[in-house]
PDB file of N, CA and C in Angstrom:
ATOM      1  N   MET A   1      -1.918  -1.902 -15.184  1.00  0.00           N
ATOM      2  CA  MET A   1      -1.943  -1.066 -14.216  1.00  0.00           C
ATOM      3  C   MET A   1      -0.930  -0.882 -12.982  1.00  0.00           C
ATOM      4  N   ARG A   2      -0.828  -2.130 -12.335  1.00  0.00           N
ATOM      5  CA  ARG A   2       0.095  -2.304 -11.253  1.00  0.00           C
ATOM      6  C   ARG A   2       1.846  -2.304 -11.893  1.00  0.00           C
ATOM      7  N   GLU A   3       2.213  -2.254 -12.965  1.00  0.00           N
ATOM      8  CA  GLU A   3       3.231  -2.209 -13.189  1.00  0.00           C
ATOM      9  C   GLU A   3       3.388  -0.554 -13.178  1.00  0.00           C
ATOM     10  N   ASP A   4       2.482   0.348 -14.026  1.00  0.00           N
ATOM     11  CA  ASP A   4       2.335   1.528 -13.766  1.00  0.00           C
ATOM     12  C   ASP A   4       2.397   2.217 -12.630  1.00  0.00           C
ATOM     13  N   PHE A   5       1.935   1.520 -11.415  1.00  0.00           N
ATOM     14  CA  PHE A   5       1.624   2.156 -10.090  1.00  0.00           C
ATOM     15  C   PHE A   5       3.337   2.013  -9.497  1.00  0.00           C
ATOM     16  N   ALA A   6       4.001   0.793  -9.694  1.00  0.00           N
ATOM     17  CA  ALA A   6       4.875   0.427  -9.296  1.00  0.00           C
ATOM     18  C   ALA A   6       6.072   1.463  -9.490  1.00  0.00           C
ATOM     19  N   SER A   7       5.951   1.743 -11.056  1.00  0.00           N
ATOM     20  CA  SER A   7       6.897   2.426 -11.650  1.00  0.00           C
ATOM     21  C   SER A   7       6.676   3.776 -11.399  1.00  0.00           C
ATOM     22  N   TRP A   8       5.389   4.470 -10.836  1.00  0.00           N
ATOM     23  CA  TRP A   8       5.631   6.036 -10.493  1.00  0.00           C
ATOM     24  C   TRP A   8       6.175   5.853  -9.064  1.00  0.00           C
ATOM     25  N   PHE A   9       5.425   4.796  -8.317  1.00  0.00           N
ATOM     26  CA  PHE A   9       6.110   4.853  -6.823  1.00  0.00           C
ATOM     27  C   PHE A   9       7.887   5.025  -6.658  1.00  0.00           C
ATOM     28  N   ASP A  10       8.277   4.352  -7.796  1.00  0.00           N
ATOM     29  CA  ASP A  10       9.688   4.019  -7.856  1.00  0.00           C
ATOM     30  C   ASP A  10      10.419   5.421  -8.437  1.00  0.00           C
ATOM     31  N   ALA A  11       9.875   5.793  -9.487  1.00  0.00           N
ATOM     32  CA  ALA A  11      10.454   7.291  -9.413  1.00  0.00           C
ATOM     33  C   ALA A  11      10.023   8.312  -8.568  1.00  0.00           C
ATOM     34  N   ALA A  12       9.188   8.594  -8.008  1.00  0.00           N
ATOM     35  CA  ALA A  12       8.705   9.349  -6.791  1.00  0.00           C
ATOM     36  C   ALA A  12       9.673   9.241  -5.652  1.00  0.00           C
ATOM     37  N   VAL A  13       9.984   8.197  -5.342  1.00  0.00           N
ATOM     38  CA  VAL A  13      10.543   7.896  -3.752  1.00  0.00           C
ATOM     39  C   VAL A  13      11.596   6.678  -4.196  1.00  0.00           C
ATOM     40  N   PRO A  14      12.862   7.087  -4.811  1.00  0.00           N
ATOM     41  CA  PRO A  14      13.735   6.212  -5.296  1.00  0.00           C
ATOM     42  C   PRO A  14      14.549   6.013  -4.042  1.00  0.00           C
ATOM     43  N   GLU A  15      15.208   4.562  -4.381  1.00  0.00           N
ATOM     44  CA  GLU A  15      15.835   3.568  -3.267  1.00  0.00           C
ATOM     45  C   GLU A  15      17.217   4.470  -3.167  1.00  0.00           C
ATOM     46  N   ASP A  16      17.889   4.772  -4.359  1.00  0.00           N
ATOM     47  CA  ASP A  16      19.221   5.363  -4.390  1.00  0.00           C
ATOM     48  C   ASP A  16      19.318   6.919  -4.230  1.00  0.00           C
ATOM     49  N   ALA A  17      18.388   7.407  -3.846  1.00  0.00           N
ATOM     50  CA  ALA A  17      18.354   9.067  -3.529  1.00  0.00           C
ATOM     51  C   ALA A  17      19.694   8.975  -2.588  1.00  0.00           C
ATOM     52  N   PRO A  18      20.170  10.127  -2.838  1.00  0.00           N
ATOM     53  CA  PRO A  18      21.576  10.559  -1.824  1.00  0.00           C
ATOM     54  C   PRO A  18      20.963  11.063  -0.370  1.00  0.00           C
ATOM     55  N   TYR A  19      20.016  11.307  -0.075  1.00  0.00           N
ATOM     56  CA  TYR A  19      19.140  12.093   1.152  1.00  0.00           C
ATOM     57  C   TYR A  19      18.732  11.239   2.106  1.00  0.00           C
ATOM     58  N   TRP A  20      18.679   9.913   1.968  1.00  0.00           N
ATOM     59  CA  TRP A  20      18.052   8.993   2.386  1.00  0.00           C
ATOM     60  C   TRP A  20      19.443   8.683   3.930  1.00  0.00           C
ATOM     61  N   THR A  21      18.996   9.184   4.864  1.00  0.00           N
ATOM     62  CA  THR A  21      19.894   8.833   6.193  1.00  0.00           C
ATOM     63  C   THR A  21      19.706   7.455   6.882  1.00  0.00           C
ATOM     64  N   HIS A  22      18.883   7.164   6.711  1.00  0.00           N
ATOM     65  CA  HIS A  22      18.453   5.759   7.689  1.00  0.00           C
ATOM     66  C   HIS A  22      18.210   4.620   6.618  1.00  0.00           C
ATOM     67  N   THR A  23      19.710   4.097   6.186  1.00  0.00           N
ATOM     68  CA  THR A  23      19.833   3.376   5.533  1.00  0.00           C
ATOM     69  C   THR A  23      20.438   1.787   6.054  1.00  0.00           C
ATOM     70  N   LEU A  24      20.520   1.486   7.625  1.00  0.00           N
ATOM     71  CA  LEU A  24      20.788   0.652   8.198  1.00  0.00           C
ATOM     72  C   LEU A  24      20.068  -0.693   8.074  1.00  0.00           C
ATOM     73  N   GLU A  25      19.117  -0.714   7.485  1.00  0.00           N
ATOM     74  CA  GLU A  25      18.082  -1.883   7.112  1.00  0.00           C
ATOM     75  C   GLU A  25      17.909  -2.331   5.544  1.00  0.00           C
ATOM     76  N   GLY A  26      18.633  -1.588   4.860  1.00  0.00           N
ATOM     77  CA  GLY A  26      18.907  -1.742   3.304  1.00  0.00           C
ATOM     78  C   GLY A  26      18.199  -0.671   2.661  1.00  0.00           C
ATOM     79  N   PRO A  27      18.680  -0.472   1.313  1.00  0.00           N
ATOM     80  CA  PRO A  27      18.496   0.599   0.505  1.00  0.00           C
ATOM     81  C   PRO A  27      17.105   0.769   0.366  1.00  0.00           C
ATOM     82  N   ASP A  28      16.049  -0.281   0.649  1.00  0.00           N
ATOM     83  CA  ASP A  28      14.771  -0.028   0.130  1.00  0.00           C
ATOM     84  C   ASP A  28      13.888   0.502   1.510  1.00  0.00           C
ATOM     85  N   ASP A  29      14.495   0.258   2.884  1.00  0.00           N
ATOM     86  CA  ASP A  29      13.526   0.428   3.938  1.00  0.00           C
ATOM     87  C   ASP A  29      12.929   1.671   4.073  1.00  0.00           C
ATOM     88  N   MET A  30      13.906   2.699   4.055  1.00  0.00           N
ATOM     89  CA  MET A  30      13.341   4.210   4.183  1.00  0.00           C
ATOM     90  C   MET A  30      12.527   4.676   3.083  1.00  0.00           C
ATOM     91  N   PRO A  31      12.799   4.144   1.885  1.00  0.00           N
ATOM     92  CA  PRO A  31      11.757   4.605   0.919  1.00  0.00           C
ATOM     93  C   PRO A  31      10.289   3.568   1.000  1.00  0.00           C
ATOM     94  N   ALA A  32      10.463   2.557   1.420  1.00  0.00           N
ATOM     95  CA  ALA A  32       9.112   1.650   2.166  1.00  0.00           C
ATOM     96  C   ALA A  32       8.284   2.576   2.973  1.00  0.00           C
ATOM     97  N   HIS A  33       8.668   2.961   3.888  1.00  0.00           N
ATOM     98  CA  HIS A  33       8.335   4.013   5.289  1.00  0.00           C
ATOM     99  C   HIS A  33       7.764   4.732   4.225  1.00  0.00           C
ATOM    100  N   VAL A  34       8.349   5.762   3.341  1.00  0.00           N
ATOM    101  CA  VAL A  34       7.750   6.879   2.864  1.00  0.00           C
ATOM    102  C   VAL A  34       6.605   6.587   1.840  1.00  0.00           C
ATOM    103  N   LYS A  35       6.660   5.205   1.184  1.00  0.00           N
ATOM    104  CA  LYS A  35       5.748   5.087   0.092  1.00  0.00           C
ATOM    105  C   LYS A  35       4.748   4.458   0.891  1.00  0.00           C
ATOM    106  N   ALA A  36       4.467   3.637   2.149  1.00  0.00           N
ATOM    107  CA  ALA A  36       3.709   3.346   3.218  1.00  0.00           C
ATOM    108  C   ALA A  36       2.889   4.601   3.858  1.00  0.00           C
ATOM    109  N   SER A  37       3.630   5.345   4.262  1.00  0.00           N
ATOM    110  CA  SER A  37       3.011   6.739   4.517  1.00  0.00           C
ATOM    111  C   SER A  37       2.054   7.361   3.760  1.00  0.00           C
ATOM    112  N   LEU A  38       2.553   7.259   2.309  1.00  0.00           N
ATOM    113  CA  LEU A  38       1.714   8.094   1.272  1.00  0.00           C
ATOM    114  C   LEU A  38       0.266   7.155   1.137  1.00  0.00           C
ATOM    115  N   LEU A  39       0.273   6.062   1.134  1.00  0.00           N
ATOM    116  CA  LEU A  39      -0.679   5.314   1.038  1.00  0.00           C
ATOM    117  C   LEU A  39      -1.635   5.120   2.488  1.00  0.00           C
ATOM    118  N   GLY A  40      -1.057   5.438   3.378  1.00  0.00           N
ATOM    119  CA  GLY A  40      -2.083   5.180   4.854  1.00  0.00           C
ATOM    120  C   GLY A  40      -1.991   3.928   5.236  1.00  0.00           C
ATOM    121  N   PRO A  41      -2.305   3.728   6.678  1.00  0.00           N
ATOM    122  CA  PRO A  41      -2.264   2.278   7.102  1.00  0.00           C
ATOM    123  C   PRO A  41      -4.191   1.538   6.671  1.00  0.00           C
ATOM    124  N   THR A  42      -4.645   2.222   6.367  1.00  0.00           N
ATOM    125  CA  THR A  42      -6.119   1.762   6.631  1.00  0.00           C
ATOM    126  C   THR A  42      -6.783   1.875   4.833  1.00  0.00           C
ATOM    127  N   LEU A  43      -7.909   1.451   4.868  1.00  0.00           N
ATOM    128  CA  LEU A  43      -8.781   1.372   4.015  1.00  0.00           C
ATOM    129  C   LEU A  43     -10.283   1.099   4.212  1.00  0.00           C
ATOM    130  N   THR A  44     -11.051   1.957   3.721  1.00  0.00           N
ATOM    131  CA  THR A  44     -12.554   1.935   3.980  1.00  0.00           C
ATOM    132  C   THR A  44     -13.063   1.618   2.588  1.00  0.00           C
ATOM    133  N   LEU A  45     -13.856   0.374   2.671  1.00  0.00           N
ATOM    134  CA  LEU A  45     -14.893   0.180   1.466  1.00  0.00           C
ATOM    135  C   LEU A  45     -16.172  -0.100   1.864  1.00  0.00           C
ATOM    136  N   PRO A  46     -16.882   0.492   1.030  1.00  0.00           N
ATOM    137  CA  PRO A  46     -18.297   0.396   0.783  1.00  0.00           C
ATOM    138  C   PRO A  46     -18.677  -0.851   0.364  1.00  0.00           C
ATOM    139  N   ILE A  47     -20.120  -1.547   1.319  1.00  0.00           N
ATOM    140  CA  ILE A  47     -20.296  -2.848   0.735  1.00  0.00           C
ATOM    141  C   ILE A  47     -21.917  -2.818   0.783  1.00  0.00           C
ATOM    142  N   ALA A  48     -22.328  -3.045  -0.096  1.00  0.00           N
ATOM    143  CA  ALA A  48     -24.206  -3.064  -0.283  1.00  0.00           C
ATOM    144  C   ALA A  48     -24.412  -4.325  -0.827  1.00  0.00           C
ATOM    145  N   SER A  49     -25.638  -4.558  -0.239  1.00  0.00           N
ATOM    146  CA  SER A  49     -26.345  -5.888  -0.382  1.00  0.00           C
ATOM    147  C   SER A  49     -25.293  -7.044  -0.644  1.00  0.00           C
ATOM    148  N   GLY A  50     -24.508  -6.848   0.285  1.00  0.00           N
ATOM    149  CA  GLY A  50     -23.183  -8.128   0.927  1.00  0.00           C
ATOM    150  C   GLY A  50     -22.255  -7.979   0.022  1.00  0.00           C
ATOM    151  N   GLN A  51     -22.084  -6.936  -1.136  1.00  0.00           N
ATOM    152  CA  GLN A  51     -21.133  -7.026  -2.023  1.00  0.00           C
ATOM    153  C   GLN A  51     -20.233  -5.674  -2.136  1.00  0.00           C
ATOM    154  N   LEU A  52     -19.242  -5.973  -2.501  1.00  0.00           N
ATOM    155  CA  LEU A  52     -18.238  -4.764  -2.496  1.00  0.00           C
ATOM    156  C   LEU A  52     -18.821  -3.740  -3.406  1.00  0.00           C
ATOM    157  N   ALA A  53     -19.355  -2.302  -3.028  1.00  0.00           N
ATOM    158  CA  ALA A  53     -19.591  -1.093  -4.134  1.00  0.00           C
ATOM    159  C   ALA A  53     -18.600  -0.732  -4.585  1.00  0.00           C
ATOM    160  N   LEU A  54     -17.765  -1.001  -5.562  1.00  0.00           N
ATOM    161  CA  LEU A  54     -16.874  -0.179  -6.132  1.00  0.00           C
ATOM    162  C   LEU A  54     -17.233   0.168  -7.336  1.00  0.00           C
ATOM    163  N   GLY A  55     -16.561   1.320  -7.782  1.00  0.00           N
ATOM    164  CA  GLY A  55     -16.998   1.481  -9.315  1.00  0.00           C
ATOM    165  C   GLY A  55     -16.200   0.927 -10.475  1.00  0.00           C
ATOM    166  N   THR A  56     -16.317   0.879 -11.460  1.00  0.00           N
ATOM    167  CA  THR A  56     -16.201   0.147 -12.604  1.00  0.00           C
ATOM    168  C   THR A  56     -14.961  -0.174 -12.723  1.00  0.00           C
ATOM    169  N   TRP A  57     -13.807   0.850 -12.666  1.00  0.00           N
ATOM    170  CA  TRP A  57     -12.286   0.968 -12.816  1.00  0.00           C
ATOM    171  C   TRP A  57     -11.751   0.998 -11.276  1.00  0.00           C
ATOM    172  N   GLN A  58     -12.318   0.875 -10.377  1.00  0.00           N
ATOM    173  CA  GLN A  58     -11.858   0.691  -9.043  1.00  0.00           C
ATOM    174  C   GLN A  58     -11.261  -0.667  -8.804  1.00  0.00           C
ATOM    175  N   GLY A  59     -10.298  -1.091  -7.780  1.00  0.00           N
ATOM    176  CA  GLY A  59      -9.426  -2.221  -7.274  1.00  0.00           C
ATOM    177  C   GLY A  59      -9.090  -1.880  -6.114  1.00  0.00           C
ATOM    178  N   ILE A  60      -8.960  -2.818  -5.728  1.00  0.00           N
ATOM    179  CA  ILE A  60      -7.677  -3.139  -4.439  1.00  0.00           C
ATOM    180  C   ILE A  60      -6.665  -3.518  -4.623  1.00  0.00           C
ATOM    181  N   TYR A  61      -5.780  -3.018  -3.872  1.00  0.00           N
ATOM    182  CA  TYR A  61      -4.056  -3.578  -4.201  1.00  0.00           C
ATOM    183  C   TYR A  61      -3.507  -3.559  -2.672  1.00  0.00           C
ATOM    184  N   LEU A  62      -3.007  -4.515  -2.541  1.00  0.00           N
ATOM    185  CA  LEU A  62      -2.231  -4.938  -1.271  1.00  0.00           C
ATOM    186  C   LEU A  62      -0.696  -4.443  -1.534  1.00  0.00           C
ATOM    187  N   CYS A  63      -0.171  -3.471  -1.253  1.00  0.00           N
ATOM    188  CA  CYS A  63       1.331  -3.252  -1.618  1.00  0.00           C
ATOM    189  C   CYS A  63       2.165  -3.482  -0.819  1.00  0.00           C
ATOM    190  N   GLU A  64       3.377  -3.996  -1.094  1.00  0.00           N
ATOM    191  CA  GLU A  64       4.718  -4.631  -0.349  1.00  0.00           C
ATOM    192  C   GLU A  64       5.956  -3.654  -1.122  1.00  0.00           C
ATOM    193  N   HIS A  65       6.251  -2.424  -0.122  1.00  0.00           N
ATOM    194  CA  HIS A  65       7.531  -2.061  -0.695  1.00  0.00           C
ATOM    195  C   HIS A  65       8.505  -2.338  -0.500  1.00  0.00           C
ATOM    196  N   ARG A  66       8.802  -3.318   0.105  1.00  0.00           N
ATOM    197  CA  ARG A  66      10.193  -3.805   0.424  1.00  0.00           C
ATOM    198  C   ARG A  66      10.522  -4.991  -0.520  1.00  0.00           C
ATOM    199  N   ASN A  67      11.904  -4.855  -0.819  1.00  0.00           N
ATOM    200  CA  ASN A  67      12.133  -5.984  -1.741  1.00  0.00           C
ATOM    201  C   ASN A  67      12.027  -7.085  -1.620  1.00  0.00           C
ATOM    202  N   HIS A  68      12.189  -7.412  -0.546  1.00  0.00           N
ATOM    203  CA  HIS A  68      11.844  -8.759   0.151  1.00  0.00           C
ATOM    204  C   HIS A  68      11.319  -8.550   1.560  1.00  0.00           C
ATOM    205  N   GLY A  69       9.740  -8.634   1.509  1.00  0.00           N
ATOM    206  CA  GLY A  69       9.149  -8.267   2.645  1.00  0.00           C
ATOM    207  C   GLY A  69       8.885  -9.543   3.619  1.00  0.00           C
ATOM    208  N   GLY A  70       8.838  -9.192   4.577  1.00  0.00           N
ATOM    209  CA  GLY A  70       8.621 -10.286   5.713  1.00  0.00           C
ATOM    210  C   GLY A  70       7.036 -10.548   5.980  1.00  0.00           C
ATOM    211  N   VAL A  71       7.027 -11.373   6.938  1.00  0.00           N
ATOM    212  CA  VAL A  71       5.558 -11.643   7.629  1.00  0.00           C
ATOM    213  C   VAL A  71       4.538 -10.536   7.816  1.00  0.00           C
ATOM    214  N   ARG A  72       3.514 -10.352   7.218  1.00  0.00           N
ATOM    215  CA  ARG A  72       2.503  -9.381   7.253  1.00  0.00           C
ATOM    216  C   ARG A  72       1.296  -9.996   7.792  1.00  0.00           C
ATOM    217  N   SER A  73       0.279  -9.074   8.267  1.00  0.00           N
ATOM    218  CA  SER A  73      -0.951  -9.448   8.713  1.00  0.00           C
ATOM    219  C   SER A  73      -2.066  -8.724   8.038  1.00  0.00           C
ATOM    220  N   LEU A  74      -3.302  -9.244   8.053  1.00  0.00           N
ATOM    221  CA  LEU A  74      -4.353  -8.395   7.393  1.00  0.00           C
ATOM    222  C   LEU A  74      -5.575  -8.567   8.496  1.00  0.00           C
ATOM    223  N   PHE A  75      -5.990  -7.368   8.828  1.00  0.00           N
ATOM    224  CA  PHE A  75      -7.080  -7.406   9.892  1.00  0.00           C
ATOM    225  C   PHE A  75      -8.215  -6.758   8.826  1.00  0.00           C
ATOM    226  N   ALA A  76      -9.381  -7.164   8.990  1.00  0.00           N
ATOM    227  CA  ALA A  76     -10.700  -6.452   8.509  1.00  0.00           C
ATOM    228  C   ALA A  76     -11.770  -6.436   9.783  1.00  0.00           C
ATOM    229  N   THR A  77     -12.238  -5.197   9.874  1.00  0.00           N
ATOM    230  CA  THR A  77     -13.160  -4.823  10.774  1.00  0.00           C
ATOM    231  C   THR A  77     -14.394  -4.566   9.993  1.00  0.00           C
ATOM    232  N   LEU A  78     -15.297  -5.270  10.339  1.00  0.00           N
ATOM    233  CA  LEU A  78     -16.762  -4.703   9.741  1.00  0.00           C
ATOM    234  C   LEU A  78     -17.740  -3.916  10.571  1.00  0.00           C
ATOM    235  N   TRP A  79     -18.601  -2.957  10.122  1.00  0.00           N
ATOM    236  CA  TRP A  79     -19.201  -2.170  10.681  1.00  0.00           C
ATOM    237  C   TRP A  79     -20.365  -2.182  10.057  1.00  0.00           C
ATOM    238  N   GLY A  80     -21.339  -2.119  10.469  1.00  0.00           N
ATOM    239  CA  GLY A  80     -22.947  -1.883   9.740  1.00  0.00           C
ATOM    240  C   GLY A  80     -24.005  -2.854  10.382  1.00  0.00           C
ATOM    241  N   GLU A  81     -25.164  -2.789   9.879  1.00  0.00           N
ATOM    242  CA  GLU A  81     -26.228  -3.433  10.281  1.00  0.00           C
ATOM    243  C   GLU A  81     -26.393  -5.066   9.233  1.00  0.00           C
ATOM    244  N   GLY A  82     -26.550  -6.063   9.703  1.00  0.00           N
ATOM    245  CA  GLY A  82     -27.083  -7.002   9.071  1.00  0.00           C
ATOM    246  C   GLY A  82     -28.334  -7.228   8.686  1.00  0.00           C
ATOM    247  N   SER A  83     -28.479  -7.628   7.199  1.00  0.00           N
ATOM    248  CA  SER A  83     -30.230  -7.925   6.917  1.00  0.00           C
ATOM    249  C   SER A  83     -30.233  -9.403   6.591  1.00  0.00           C
TER     250      SER A  83
END
């Protein structure tokens, strides 16, 4: 699944597209911005009884769109009522 996802994204947002003008930071920079904007910066996950409440075929993927990404931070904010 991960390979198919990456293949689709690379075909939909190619690095070597002639229309990219923002290329000073490398050929993967502008495509990475577009891919990140398509996925969005946040994710909301349901939790039930202290467990992730995902469907059978659902999963969570953290995507790095740069060929050689830098340091990244992940923040988690939990909302709800404890029991």
